[in-house]
PDB file of N, CA and C in Angstrom:
ATOM      1  N   MET A   1     -42.086  26.036 108.992  1.00  0.00           N
ATOM      2  CA  MET A   1     -42.767  26.264 107.522  1.00  0.00           C
ATOM      3  C   MET A   1     -43.967  25.074 107.635  1.00  0.00           C
ATOM      4  N   PRO A   2     -45.209  25.399 107.034  1.00  0.00           N
ATOM      5  CA  PRO A   2     -46.202  24.431 106.898  1.00  0.00           C
ATOM      6  C   PRO A   2     -45.790  23.491 105.775  1.00  0.00           C
ATOM      7  N   LEU A   3     -46.353  22.132 105.927  1.00  0.00           N
ATOM      8  CA  LEU A   3     -45.856  21.066 104.841  1.00  0.00           C
ATOM      9  C   LEU A   3     -46.932  20.650 104.164  1.00  0.00           C
ATOM     10  N   ALA A   4     -46.788  20.392 102.904  1.00  0.00           N
ATOM     11  CA  ALA A   4     -47.987  19.860 102.266  1.00  0.00           C
ATOM     12  C   ALA A   4     -48.133  18.361 102.376  1.00  0.00           C
ATOM     13  N   PRO A   5     -49.300  17.757 102.763  1.00  0.00           N
ATOM     14  CA  PRO A   5     -49.386  16.305 102.881  1.00  0.00           C
ATOM     15  C   PRO A   5     -48.996  15.476 101.905  1.00  0.00           C
ATOM     16  N   THR A   6     -49.429  15.903 100.474  1.00  0.00           N
ATOM     17  CA  THR A   6     -49.255  15.032  99.461  1.00  0.00           C
ATOM     18  C   THR A   6     -48.833  15.931  98.177  1.00  0.00           C
ATOM     19  N   PRO A   7     -48.154  15.354  97.206  1.00  0.00           N
ATOM     20  CA  PRO A   7     -47.873  16.180  95.953  1.00  0.00           C
ATOM     21  C   PRO A   7     -49.112  16.729  95.265  1.00  0.00           C
ATOM     22  N   THR A   8     -50.133  16.004  95.349  1.00  0.00           N
ATOM     23  CA  THR A   8     -51.299  16.565  94.575  1.00  0.00           C
ATOM     24  C   THR A   8     -51.819  17.821  95.403  1.00  0.00           C
ATOM     25  N   PHE A   9     -51.897  17.923  96.670  1.00  0.00           N
ATOM     26  CA  PHE A   9     -52.123  18.978  97.667  1.00  0.00           C
ATOM     27  C   PHE A   9     -51.384  20.193  97.200  1.00  0.00           C
ATOM     28  N   TYR A  10     -49.926  19.797  97.210  1.00  0.00           N
ATOM     29  CA  TYR A  10     -49.023  20.781  96.882  1.00  0.00           C
ATOM     30  C   TYR A  10     -49.202  21.492  95.498  1.00  0.00           C
ATOM     31  N   ALA A  11     -49.656  20.693  94.496  1.00  0.00           N
ATOM     32  CA  ALA A  11     -49.729  21.305  93.185  1.00  0.00           C
ATOM     33  C   ALA A  11     -51.087  22.270  93.223  1.00  0.00           C
ATOM     34  N   ALA A  12     -51.980  21.844  93.873  1.00  0.00           N
ATOM     35  CA  ALA A  12     -53.367  22.605  93.931  1.00  0.00           C
ATOM     36  C   ALA A  12     -53.235  23.866  94.690  1.00  0.00           C
ATOM     37  N   ASN A  13     -52.540  23.813  95.774  1.00  0.00           N
ATOM     38  CA  ASN A  13     -52.660  25.042  96.773  1.00  0.00           C
ATOM     39  C   ASN A  13     -51.353  25.674  97.234  1.00  0.00           C
ATOM     40  N   CYS A  14     -50.216  25.179  96.900  1.00  0.00           N
ATOM     41  CA  CYS A  14     -49.045  25.791  97.288  1.00  0.00           C
ATOM     42  C   CYS A  14     -48.201  26.569  96.347  1.00  0.00           C
ATOM     43  N   ASN A  15     -47.520  27.609  96.874  1.00  0.00           N
ATOM     44  CA  ASN A  15     -46.683  28.324  96.059  1.00  0.00           C
ATOM     45  C   ASN A  15     -45.511  27.570  95.315  1.00  0.00           C
ATOM     46  N   PRO A  16     -45.310  27.483  94.066  1.00  0.00           N
ATOM     47  CA  PRO A  16     -44.373  26.704  93.421  1.00  0.00           C
ATOM     48  C   PRO A  16     -42.771  27.329  93.598  1.00  0.00           C
ATOM     49  N   ALA A  17     -42.844  28.421  94.271  1.00  0.00           N
ATOM     50  CA  ALA A  17     -41.378  29.037  94.579  1.00  0.00           C
ATOM     51  C   ALA A  17     -40.698  28.090  95.607  1.00  0.00           C
ATOM     52  N   PHE A  18     -41.417  27.546  96.407  1.00  0.00           N
ATOM     53  CA  PHE A  18     -40.633  26.476  97.285  1.00  0.00           C
ATOM     54  C   PHE A  18     -40.853  25.220  96.914  1.00  0.00           C
ATOM     55  N   LEU A  19     -39.792  24.423  97.371  1.00  0.00           N
ATOM     56  CA  LEU A  19     -39.753  22.928  96.842  1.00  0.00           C
ATOM     57  C   LEU A  19     -40.867  22.113  97.668  1.00  0.00           C
ATOM     58  N   PHE A  20     -41.336  21.196  97.196  1.00  0.00           N
ATOM     59  CA  PHE A  20     -42.108  20.099  97.884  1.00  0.00           C
ATOM     60  C   PHE A  20     -41.308  19.663  99.065  1.00  0.00           C
ATOM     61  N   PRO A  21     -41.916  19.464 100.178  1.00  0.00           N
ATOM     62  CA  PRO A  21     -43.169  19.518 100.594  1.00  0.00           C
ATOM     63  C   PRO A  21     -43.525  20.962 101.272  1.00  0.00           C
ATOM     64  N   THR A  22     -42.760  21.932 101.205  1.00  0.00           N
ATOM     65  CA  THR A  22     -42.736  23.216 101.898  1.00  0.00           C
ATOM     66  C   THR A  22     -43.948  23.946 101.066  1.00  0.00           C
ATOM     67  N   CYS A  23     -44.877  24.442 101.810  1.00  0.00           N
ATOM     68  CA  CYS A  23     -45.922  25.242 101.522  1.00  0.00           C
ATOM     69  C   CYS A  23     -46.105  26.569 102.223  1.00  0.00           C
ATOM     70  N   ALA A  24     -45.235  27.507 101.901  1.00  0.00           N
ATOM     71  CA  ALA A  24     -45.098  28.770 102.714  1.00  0.00           C
ATOM     72  C   ALA A  24     -46.369  29.414 102.650  1.00  0.00           C
ATOM     73  N   ASN A  25     -47.255  29.456 101.694  1.00  0.00           N
ATOM     74  CA  ASN A  25     -48.388  30.464 101.540  1.00  0.00           C
ATOM     75  C   ASN A  25     -49.639  29.724 102.260  1.00  0.00           C
ATOM     76  N   LEU A  26     -49.477  28.683 103.039  1.00  0.00           N
ATOM     77  CA  LEU A  26     -50.501  28.083 103.784  1.00  0.00           C
ATOM     78  C   LEU A  26     -50.804  28.901 104.982  1.00  0.00           C
ATOM     79  N   HIS A  27     -51.917  29.153 105.574  1.00  0.00           N
ATOM     80  CA  HIS A  27     -52.256  29.872 106.693  1.00  0.00           C
ATOM     81  C   HIS A  27     -52.739  28.821 107.552  1.00  0.00           C
ATOM     82  N   GLY A  28     -52.649  29.014 108.880  1.00  0.00           N
ATOM     83  CA  GLY A  28     -53.021  28.161 109.921  1.00  0.00           C
ATOM     84  C   GLY A  28     -54.564  28.226 109.920  1.00  0.00           C
ATOM     85  N   ASN A  29     -55.121  27.373 111.006  1.00  0.00           N
ATOM     86  CA  ASN A  29     -56.624  27.366 111.136  1.00  0.00           C
ATOM     87  C   ASN A  29     -57.089  28.097 112.495  1.00  0.00           C
ATOM     88  N   LEU A  30     -56.109  28.929 113.027  1.00  0.00           N
ATOM     89  CA  LEU A  30     -56.500  29.626 114.269  1.00  0.00           C
ATOM     90  C   LEU A  30     -57.324  30.720 113.814  1.00  0.00           C
ATOM     91  N   GLY A  31     -58.522  30.942 114.648  1.00  0.00           N
ATOM     92  CA  GLY A  31     -59.430  31.989 114.365  1.00  0.00           C
ATOM     93  C   GLY A  31     -58.975  33.431 114.698  1.00  0.00           C
ATOM     94  N   ARG A  32     -59.738  34.253 113.986  1.00  0.00           N
ATOM     95  CA  ARG A  32     -59.346  35.692 114.209  1.00  0.00           C
ATOM     96  C   ARG A  32     -59.527  36.165 115.633  1.00  0.00           C
ATOM     97  N   ASN A  33     -58.577  37.075 116.133  1.00  0.00           N
ATOM     98  CA  ASN A  33     -58.507  37.691 117.420  1.00  0.00           C
ATOM     99  C   ASN A  33     -58.522  36.698 118.482  1.00  0.00           C
ATOM    100  N   THR A  34     -57.929  35.610 118.360  1.00  0.00           N
ATOM    101  CA  THR A  34     -57.767  34.584 119.518  1.00  0.00           C
ATOM    102  C   THR A  34     -56.694  34.913 120.400  1.00  0.00           C
ATOM    103  N   LEU A  35     -55.586  35.728 119.994  1.00  0.00           N
ATOM    104  CA  LEU A  35     -54.481  36.062 120.596  1.00  0.00           C
ATOM    105  C   LEU A  35     -54.863  37.490 121.262  1.00  0.00           C
ATOM    106  N   ILE A  36     -54.548  37.556 122.488  1.00  0.00           N
ATOM    107  CA  ILE A  36     -54.663  38.835 123.163  1.00  0.00           C
ATOM    108  C   ILE A  36     -53.479  39.434 123.716  1.00  0.00           C
ATOM    109  N   GLY A  37     -53.145  40.605 123.260  1.00  0.00           N
ATOM    110  CA  GLY A  37     -51.830  41.219 123.612  1.00  0.00           C
ATOM    111  C   GLY A  37     -51.942  41.666 125.136  1.00  0.00           C
ATOM    112  N   PRO A  38     -50.805  42.210 125.556  1.00  0.00           N
ATOM    113  CA  PRO A  38     -50.760  42.789 126.937  1.00  0.00           C
ATOM    114  C   PRO A  38     -51.701  43.920 127.269  1.00  0.00           C
ATOM    115  N   GLY A  39     -52.501  44.030 128.314  1.00  0.00           N
ATOM    116  CA  GLY A  39     -53.367  44.988 128.744  1.00  0.00           C
ATOM    117  C   GLY A  39     -52.741  46.307 129.092  1.00  0.00           C
ATOM    118  N   VAL A  40     -53.640  47.368 129.177  1.00  0.00           N
ATOM    119  CA  VAL A  40     -52.908  48.661 129.514  1.00  0.00           C
ATOM    120  C   VAL A  40     -53.781  49.145 130.800  1.00  0.00           C
ATOM    121  N   SER A  41     -52.809  49.401 131.766  1.00  0.00           N
ATOM    122  CA  SER A  41     -53.394  49.968 132.995  1.00  0.00           C
ATOM    123  C   SER A  41     -52.707  51.274 133.369  1.00  0.00           C
ATOM    124  N   LYS A  42     -53.424  52.365 133.525  1.00  0.00           N
ATOM    125  CA  LYS A  42     -52.795  53.598 133.810  1.00  0.00           C
ATOM    126  C   LYS A  42     -53.706  54.419 134.784  1.00  0.00           C
ATOM    127  N   LEU A  43     -53.136  54.985 135.816  1.00  0.00           N
ATOM    128  CA  LEU A  43     -53.881  55.734 136.744  1.00  0.00           C
ATOM    129  C   LEU A  43     -53.150  57.106 137.078  1.00  0.00           C
ATOM    130  N   ASP A  44     -53.964  58.127 136.623  1.00  0.00           N
ATOM    131  CA  ASP A  44     -53.485  59.473 136.863  1.00  0.00           C
ATOM    132  C   ASP A  44     -54.082  60.076 137.970  1.00  0.00           C
ATOM    133  N   PHE A  45     -53.385  61.113 138.677  1.00  0.00           N
ATOM    134  CA  PHE A  45     -53.871  61.837 139.763  1.00  0.00           C
ATOM    135  C   PHE A  45     -53.593  63.264 139.651  1.00  0.00           C
ATOM    136  N   SER A  46     -54.400  64.150 140.127  1.00  0.00           N
ATOM    137  CA  SER A  46     -54.329  65.549 140.142  1.00  0.00           C
ATOM    138  C   SER A  46     -54.949  66.141 141.390  1.00  0.00           C
ATOM    139  N   VAL A  47     -54.290  67.084 141.923  1.00  0.00           N
ATOM    140  CA  VAL A  47     -54.599  67.748 143.101  1.00  0.00           C
ATOM    141  C   VAL A  47     -54.311  69.335 143.011  1.00  0.00           C
ATOM    142  N   PHE A  48     -55.265  70.258 143.371  1.00  0.00           N
ATOM    143  CA  PHE A  48     -55.028  71.536 143.271  1.00  0.00           C
ATOM    144  C   PHE A  48     -55.495  72.322 144.289  1.00  0.00           C
ATOM    145  N   LYS A  49     -55.054  73.574 144.566  1.00  0.00           N
ATOM    146  CA  LYS A  49     -55.448  74.412 145.803  1.00  0.00           C
ATOM    147  C   LYS A  49     -55.603  75.929 145.157  1.00  0.00           C
ATOM    148  N   ASN A  50     -56.849  76.218 145.347  1.00  0.00           N
ATOM    149  CA  ASN A  50     -57.281  77.680 144.924  1.00  0.00           C
ATOM    150  C   ASN A  50     -56.814  78.748 145.979  1.00  0.00           C
ATOM    151  N   ASN A  51     -56.257  79.870 145.525  1.00  0.00           N
ATOM    152  CA  ASN A  51     -55.896  80.889 146.512  1.00  0.00           C
ATOM    153  C   ASN A  51     -56.440  82.122 145.994  1.00  0.00           C
ATOM    154  N   PRO A  52     -57.602  82.652 146.378  1.00  0.00           N
ATOM    155  CA  PRO A  52     -58.178  83.971 145.885  1.00  0.00           C
ATOM    156  C   PRO A  52     -57.266  84.980 146.397  1.00  0.00           C
ATOM    157  N   VAL A  53     -56.962  86.071 145.545  1.00  0.00           N
ATOM    158  CA  VAL A  53     -56.137  87.370 145.862  1.00  0.00           C
ATOM    159  C   VAL A  53     -57.195  88.420 145.751  1.00  0.00           C
ATOM    160  N   LYS A  54     -57.728  88.885 146.899  1.00  0.00           N
ATOM    161  CA  LYS A  54     -58.757  89.930 146.632  1.00  0.00           C
ATOM    162  C   LYS A  54     -58.193  91.366 146.461  1.00  0.00           C
ATOM    163  N   ARG A  55     -56.797  91.428 146.869  1.00  0.00           N
ATOM    164  CA  ARG A  55     -56.082  92.715 146.488  1.00  0.00           C
ATOM    165  C   ARG A  55     -56.130  93.255 145.168  1.00  0.00           C
ATOM    166  N   ILE A  56     -56.087  92.156 144.181  1.00  0.00           N
ATOM    167  CA  ILE A  56     -56.082  92.605 142.733  1.00  0.00           C
ATOM    168  C   ILE A  56     -57.299  92.569 142.223  1.00  0.00           C
ATOM    169  N   SER A  57     -58.306  91.723 142.463  1.00  0.00           N
ATOM    170  CA  SER A  57     -59.620  91.720 141.907  1.00  0.00           C
ATOM    171  C   SER A  57     -60.485  90.694 142.636  1.00  0.00           C
ATOM    172  N   GLU A  58     -61.803  90.869 142.564  1.00  0.00           N
ATOM    173  CA  GLU A  58     -62.695  89.869 143.367  1.00  0.00           C
ATOM    174  C   GLU A  58     -62.673  88.536 142.660  1.00  0.00           C
ATOM    175  N   SER A  59     -62.325  88.229 141.278  1.00  0.00           N
ATOM    176  CA  SER A  59     -62.193  87.209 140.609  1.00  0.00           C
ATOM    177  C   SER A  59     -60.891  86.577 140.453  1.00  0.00           C
ATOM    178  N   PHE A  60     -59.710  87.285 140.836  1.00  0.00           N
ATOM    179  CA  PHE A  60     -58.541  86.892 140.638  1.00  0.00           C
ATOM    180  C   PHE A  60     -58.189  85.697 141.578  1.00  0.00           C
ATOM    181  N   ASN A  61     -57.475  84.780 140.984  1.00  0.00           N
ATOM    182  CA  ASN A  61     -57.329  83.496 141.857  1.00  0.00           C
ATOM    183  C   ASN A  61     -55.899  82.957 141.209  1.00  0.00           C
ATOM    184  N   VAL A  62     -55.018  82.378 142.249  1.00  0.00           N
ATOM    185  CA  VAL A  62     -53.856  81.637 141.921  1.00  0.00           C
ATOM    186  C   VAL A  62     -54.148  80.264 142.357  1.00  0.00           C
ATOM    187  N   GLN A  63     -53.890  79.593 141.299  1.00  0.00           N
ATOM    188  CA  GLN A  63     -54.109  78.106 141.577  1.00  0.00           C
ATOM    189  C   GLN A  63     -52.922  77.329 141.478  1.00  0.00           C
ATOM    190  N   PHE A  64     -52.565  76.485 142.465  1.00  0.00           N
ATOM    191  CA  PHE A  64     -51.367  75.612 142.565  1.00  0.00           C
ATOM    192  C   PHE A  64     -51.902  74.218 142.242  1.00  0.00           C
ATOM    193  N   ARG A  65     -51.167  73.634 141.169  1.00  0.00           N
ATOM    194  CA  ARG A  65     -51.631  72.307 140.793  1.00  0.00           C
ATOM    195  C   ARG A  65     -50.376  71.321 140.854  1.00  0.00           C
ATOM    196  N   ALA A  66     -50.750  70.094 141.221  1.00  0.00           N
ATOM    197  CA  ALA A  66     -49.721  69.018 141.166  1.00  0.00           C
ATOM    198  C   ALA A  66     -50.419  67.765 140.392  1.00  0.00           C
ATOM    199  N   GLU A  67     -49.859  67.475 139.381  1.00  0.00           N
ATOM    200  CA  GLU A  67     -50.401  66.281 138.672  1.00  0.00           C
ATOM    201  C   GLU A  67     -49.454  65.011 138.446  1.00  0.00           C
ATOM    202  N   VAL A  68     -49.936  63.943 138.705  1.00  0.00           N
ATOM    203  CA  VAL A  68     -49.054  62.759 138.670  1.00  0.00           C
ATOM    204  C   VAL A  68     -49.607  61.954 137.603  1.00  0.00           C
ATOM    205  N   PHE A  69     -48.866  61.415 136.569  1.00  0.00           N
ATOM    206  CA  PHE A  69     -49.357  60.647 135.543  1.00  0.00           C
ATOM    207  C   PHE A  69     -48.679  59.306 135.796  1.00  0.00           C
ATOM    208  N   ASN A  70     -49.490  58.211 135.571  1.00  0.00           N
ATOM    209  CA  ASN A  70     -49.104  56.764 135.849  1.00  0.00           C
ATOM    210  C   ASN A  70     -48.619  56.695 137.282  1.00  0.00           C
ATOM    211  N   VAL A  71     -49.535  56.968 138.202  1.00  0.00           N
ATOM    212  CA  VAL A  71     -49.087  56.944 139.644  1.00  0.00           C
ATOM    213  C   VAL A  71     -48.536  55.577 140.166  1.00  0.00           C
ATOM    214  N   LEU A  72     -49.002  54.535 139.643  1.00  0.00           N
ATOM    215  CA  LEU A  72     -48.490  53.221 140.226  1.00  0.00           C
ATOM    216  C   LEU A  72     -47.248  52.823 139.468  1.00  0.00           C
ATOM    217  N   ASN A  73     -46.791  53.628 138.373  1.00  0.00           N
ATOM    218  CA  ASN A  73     -45.689  53.246 137.589  1.00  0.00           C
ATOM    219  C   ASN A  73     -45.706  51.897 137.009  1.00  0.00           C
ATOM    220  N   HIS A  74     -46.797  51.598 136.389  1.00  0.00           N
ATOM    221  CA  HIS A  74     -47.102  50.111 135.869  1.00  0.00           C
ATOM    222  C   HIS A  74     -46.460  50.178 134.489  1.00  0.00           C
ATOM    223  N   THR A  75     -45.748  49.180 134.273  1.00  0.00           N
ATOM    224  CA  THR A  75     -45.205  48.857 132.755  1.00  0.00           C
ATOM    225  C   THR A  75     -46.186  48.506 131.932  1.00  0.00           C
ATOM    226  N   ASN A  76     -46.532  49.204 130.730  1.00  0.00           N
ATOM    227  CA  ASN A  76     -47.557  48.727 129.775  1.00  0.00           C
ATOM    228  C   ASN A  76     -46.761  48.199 128.508  1.00  0.00           C
ATOM    229  N   PHE A  77     -46.678  47.009 128.229  1.00  0.00           N
ATOM    230  CA  PHE A  77     -45.935  46.598 127.143  1.00  0.00           C
ATOM    231  C   PHE A  77     -46.859  46.799 125.901  1.00  0.00           C
ATOM    232  N   SER A  78     -46.058  47.092 124.749  1.00  0.00           N
ATOM    233  CA  SER A  78     -46.768  47.253 123.434  1.00  0.00           C
ATOM    234  C   SER A  78     -46.933  45.900 122.799  1.00  0.00           C
ATOM    235  N   SER A  79     -47.722  45.728 121.999  1.00  0.00           N
ATOM    236  CA  SER A  79     -47.969  44.480 121.283  1.00  0.00           C
ATOM    237  C   SER A  79     -46.634  44.137 120.284  1.00  0.00           C
ATOM    238  N   PRO A  80     -46.446  42.848 120.112  1.00  0.00           N
ATOM    239  CA  PRO A  80     -45.294  42.595 119.415  1.00  0.00           C
ATOM    240  C   PRO A  80     -45.404  42.696 117.839  1.00  0.00           C
ATOM    241  N   THR A  81     -46.026  43.854 117.458  1.00  0.00           N
ATOM    242  CA  THR A  81     -46.261  43.935 115.874  1.00  0.00           C
ATOM    243  C   THR A  81     -45.065  44.521 115.192  1.00  0.00           C
ATOM    244  N   ASP A  82     -43.975  44.868 115.753  1.00  0.00           N
ATOM    245  CA  ASP A  82     -42.800  45.373 115.092  1.00  0.00           C
ATOM    246  C   ASP A  82     -42.040  44.205 114.648  1.00  0.00           C
ATOM    247  N   ASN A  83     -42.196  43.043 115.034  1.00  0.00           N
ATOM    248  CA  ASN A  83     -41.361  41.854 114.601  1.00  0.00           C
ATOM    249  C   ASN A  83     -42.281  40.759 114.078  1.00  0.00           C
ATOM    250  N   LEU A  84     -42.972  41.004 113.118  1.00  0.00           N
ATOM    251  CA  LEU A  84     -43.909  40.144 112.510  1.00  0.00           C
ATOM    252  C   LEU A  84     -43.259  39.186 111.434  1.00  0.00           C
ATOM    253  N   ASN A  85     -42.099  39.347 111.108  1.00  0.00           N
ATOM    254  CA  ASN A  85     -41.497  38.298 110.158  1.00  0.00           C
ATOM    255  C   ASN A  85     -41.029  37.117 110.968  1.00  0.00           C
ATOM    256  N   VAL A  86     -41.583  35.916 110.715  1.00  0.00           N
ATOM    257  CA  VAL A  86     -41.273  34.779 111.441  1.00  0.00           C
ATOM    258  C   VAL A  86     -40.169  34.015 110.586  1.00  0.00           C
ATOM    259  N   PHE A  87     -40.157  34.001 109.498  1.00  0.00           N
ATOM    260  CA  PHE A  87     -38.940  33.501 108.633  1.00  0.00           C
ATOM    261  C   PHE A  87     -38.442  34.532 107.656  1.00  0.00           C
ATOM    262  N   ASP A  88     -37.278  34.231 107.430  1.00  0.00           N
ATOM    263  CA  ASP A  88     -36.544  34.983 106.344  1.00  0.00           C
ATOM    264  C   ASP A  88     -36.681  34.533 104.929  1.00  0.00           C
ATOM    265  N   GLN A  89     -36.060  35.107 104.051  1.00  0.00           N
ATOM    266  CA  GLN A  89     -36.207  34.866 102.663  1.00  0.00           C
ATOM    267  C   GLN A  89     -35.894  33.288 102.205  1.00  0.00           C
ATOM    268  N   HIS A  90     -35.025  32.710 103.087  1.00  0.00           N
ATOM    269  CA  HIS A  90     -34.556  31.514 102.840  1.00  0.00           C
ATOM    270  C   HIS A  90     -35.345  30.410 103.733  1.00  0.00           C
ATOM    271  N   GLY A  91     -36.355  30.820 104.490  1.00  0.00           N
ATOM    272  CA  GLY A  91     -37.061  29.854 105.183  1.00  0.00           C
ATOM    273  C   GLY A  91     -36.615  29.661 106.487  1.00  0.00           C
ATOM    274  N   GLN A  92     -35.548  30.239 106.870  1.00  0.00           N
ATOM    275  CA  GLN A  92     -34.820  30.023 108.187  1.00  0.00           C
ATOM    276  C   GLN A  92     -35.682  30.952 109.283  1.00  0.00           C
ATOM    277  N   PRO A  93     -35.919  30.533 110.500  1.00  0.00           N
ATOM    278  CA  PRO A  93     -36.638  31.289 111.681  1.00  0.00           C
ATOM    279  C   PRO A  93     -35.815  32.593 111.951  1.00  0.00           C
ATOM    280  N   VAL A  94     -36.571  33.563 112.149  1.00  0.00           N
ATOM    281  CA  VAL A  94     -36.003  34.648 112.634  1.00  0.00           C
ATOM    282  C   VAL A  94     -36.069  34.771 114.144  1.00  0.00           C
ATOM    283  N   ASP A  95     -34.818  35.103 114.971  1.00  0.00           N
ATOM    284  CA  ASP A  95     -34.769  34.994 116.222  1.00  0.00           C
ATOM    285  C   ASP A  95     -35.693  36.087 116.887  1.00  0.00           C
ATOM    286  N   SER A  96     -35.903  37.259 116.374  1.00  0.00           N
ATOM    287  CA  SER A  96     -36.597  38.293 117.091  1.00  0.00           C
ATOM    288  C   SER A  96     -38.097  38.264 116.716  1.00  0.00           C
ATOM    289  N   ALA A  97     -38.544  37.189 116.297  1.00  0.00           N
ATOM    290  CA  ALA A  97     -40.130  37.096 115.864  1.00  0.00           C
ATOM    291  C   ALA A  97     -40.771  37.124 116.957  1.00  0.00           C
ATOM    292  N   GLY A  98     -41.692  38.040 117.033  1.00  0.00           N
ATOM    293  CA  GLY A  98     -42.878  38.021 118.191  1.00  0.00           C
ATOM    294  C   GLY A  98     -42.300  38.767 119.468  1.00  0.00           C
ATOM    295  N   LEU A  99     -41.210  39.141 119.541  1.00  0.00           N
ATOM    296  CA  LEU A  99     -40.623  39.742 120.816  1.00  0.00           C
ATOM    297  C   LEU A  99     -41.164  41.003 121.168  1.00  0.00           C
ATOM    298  N   ILE A 100     -41.540  41.421 122.316  1.00  0.00           N
ATOM    299  CA  ILE A 100     -42.042  42.578 122.822  1.00  0.00           C
ATOM    300  C   ILE A 100     -40.794  43.356 123.184  1.00  0.00           C
ATOM    301  N   THR A 101     -40.462  44.481 122.438  1.00  0.00           N
ATOM    302  CA  THR A 101     -39.370  45.312 122.623  1.00  0.00           C
ATOM    303  C   THR A 101     -39.525  46.709 123.138  1.00  0.00           C
ATOM    304  N   SER A 102     -40.851  47.097 123.233  1.00  0.00           N
ATOM    305  CA  SER A 102     -40.998  48.529 123.750  1.00  0.00           C
ATOM    306  C   SER A 102     -42.237  48.686 124.628  1.00  0.00           C
ATOM    307  N   THR A 103     -42.422  49.665 125.188  1.00  0.00           N
ATOM    308  CA  THR A 103     -43.596  50.055 126.058  1.00  0.00           C
ATOM    309  C   THR A 103     -44.577  51.040 125.449  1.00  0.00           C
ATOM    310  N   GLN A 104     -45.645  50.884 125.892  1.00  0.00           N
ATOM    311  CA  GLN A 104     -46.857  51.705 125.162  1.00  0.00           C
ATOM    312  C   GLN A 104     -47.050  53.019 125.768  1.00  0.00           C
ATOM    313  N   THR A 105     -46.915  53.144 127.129  1.00  0.00           N
ATOM    314  CA  THR A 105     -47.054  54.342 127.796  1.00  0.00           C
ATOM    315  C   THR A 105     -45.826  54.653 128.486  1.00  0.00           C
ATOM    316  N   SER A 106     -45.593  55.812 128.874  1.00  0.00           N
ATOM    317  CA  SER A 106     -44.345  56.411 129.592  1.00  0.00           C
ATOM    318  C   SER A 106     -44.408  55.978 131.103  1.00  0.00           C
ATOM    319  N   SER A 107     -43.231  56.215 131.763  1.00  0.00           N
ATOM    320  CA  SER A 107     -43.284  55.937 133.193  1.00  0.00           C
ATOM    321  C   SER A 107     -43.912  57.042 134.029  1.00  0.00           C
ATOM    322  N   ARG A 108     -43.680  56.915 135.240  1.00  0.00           N
ATOM    323  CA  ARG A 108     -44.302  57.954 136.184  1.00  0.00           C
ATOM    324  C   ARG A 108     -43.790  59.280 135.834  1.00  0.00           C
ATOM    325  N   GLN A 109     -44.631  60.270 135.610  1.00  0.00           N
ATOM    326  CA  GLN A 109     -44.307  61.667 135.339  1.00  0.00           C
ATOM    327  C   GLN A 109     -45.028  62.619 136.307  1.00  0.00           C
ATOM    328  N   ILE A 110     -44.259  63.557 137.100  1.00  0.00           N
ATOM    329  CA  ILE A 110     -44.818  64.531 137.849  1.00  0.00           C
ATOM    330  C   ILE A 110     -44.742  65.963 137.317  1.00  0.00           C
ATOM    331  N   GLN A 111     -45.702  66.784 137.514  1.00  0.00           N
ATOM    332  CA  GLN A 111     -45.594  68.097 137.106  1.00  0.00           C
ATOM    333  C   GLN A 111     -46.333  69.006 138.134  1.00  0.00           C
ATOM    334  N   PHE A 112     -45.647  70.203 138.351  1.00  0.00           N
ATOM    335  CA  PHE A 112     -46.362  71.211 139.145  1.00  0.00           C
ATOM    336  C   PHE A 112     -46.551  72.401 138.248  1.00  0.00           C
ATOM    337  N   ALA A 113     -47.560  73.086 138.709  1.00  0.00           N
ATOM    338  CA  ALA A 113     -47.999  74.342 138.001  1.00  0.00           C
ATOM    339  C   ALA A 113     -48.574  75.350 138.791  1.00  0.00           C
ATOM    340  N   LEU A 114     -48.382  76.519 138.323  1.00  0.00           N
ATOM    341  CA  LEU A 114     -49.082  77.724 138.959  1.00  0.00           C
ATOM    342  C   LEU A 114     -49.962  78.439 137.927  1.00  0.00           C
ATOM    343  N   LYS A 115     -51.163  78.506 138.124  1.00  0.00           N
ATOM    344  CA  LYS A 115     -52.121  78.934 137.202  1.00  0.00           C
ATOM    345  C   LYS A 115     -52.831  80.189 137.746  1.00  0.00           C
ATOM    346  N   LEU A 116     -52.791  81.222 136.881  1.00  0.00           N
ATOM    347  CA  LEU A 116     -53.360  82.595 137.238  1.00  0.00           C
ATOM    348  C   LEU A 116     -54.768  82.506 136.573  1.00  0.00           C
ATOM    349  N   ILE A 117     -55.657  82.783 137.293  1.00  0.00           N
ATOM    350  CA  ILE A 117     -57.120  82.913 136.686  1.00  0.00           C
ATOM    351  C   ILE A 117     -57.755  84.218 137.027  1.00  0.00           C
ATOM    352  N   TRP A 118     -58.169  85.012 136.061  1.00  0.00           N
ATOM    353  CA  TRP A 118     -58.728  86.196 136.408  1.00  0.00           C
ATOM    354  C   TRP A 118     -60.061  86.433 135.704  1.00  0.00           C
TER     355      TRP A 118
END
């Protein structure tokens, strides 16, 4: 918790709900957007084969598709915005503050499809 340097500063700038020298409503001097969360890296891949079927029609086509999402199976962590409370109501630090607890994208997924085009 931030502390007030003097009683005069506390009286002028701090929330009186907390006892001197605790000044819970003070914000730090770190600039905006100076912390950068984990990046996102995702590579998708698709391959397909066209098989024209002339017996049915000139334009009839059977297409076999294979699609792979997140080919490299790279883990993309989400930002720690779920755990923003740093202190509880009594001023004690919260153990889970700022922890990354989930991922932003899914793991590798593969799908096969058969597409009829006419």
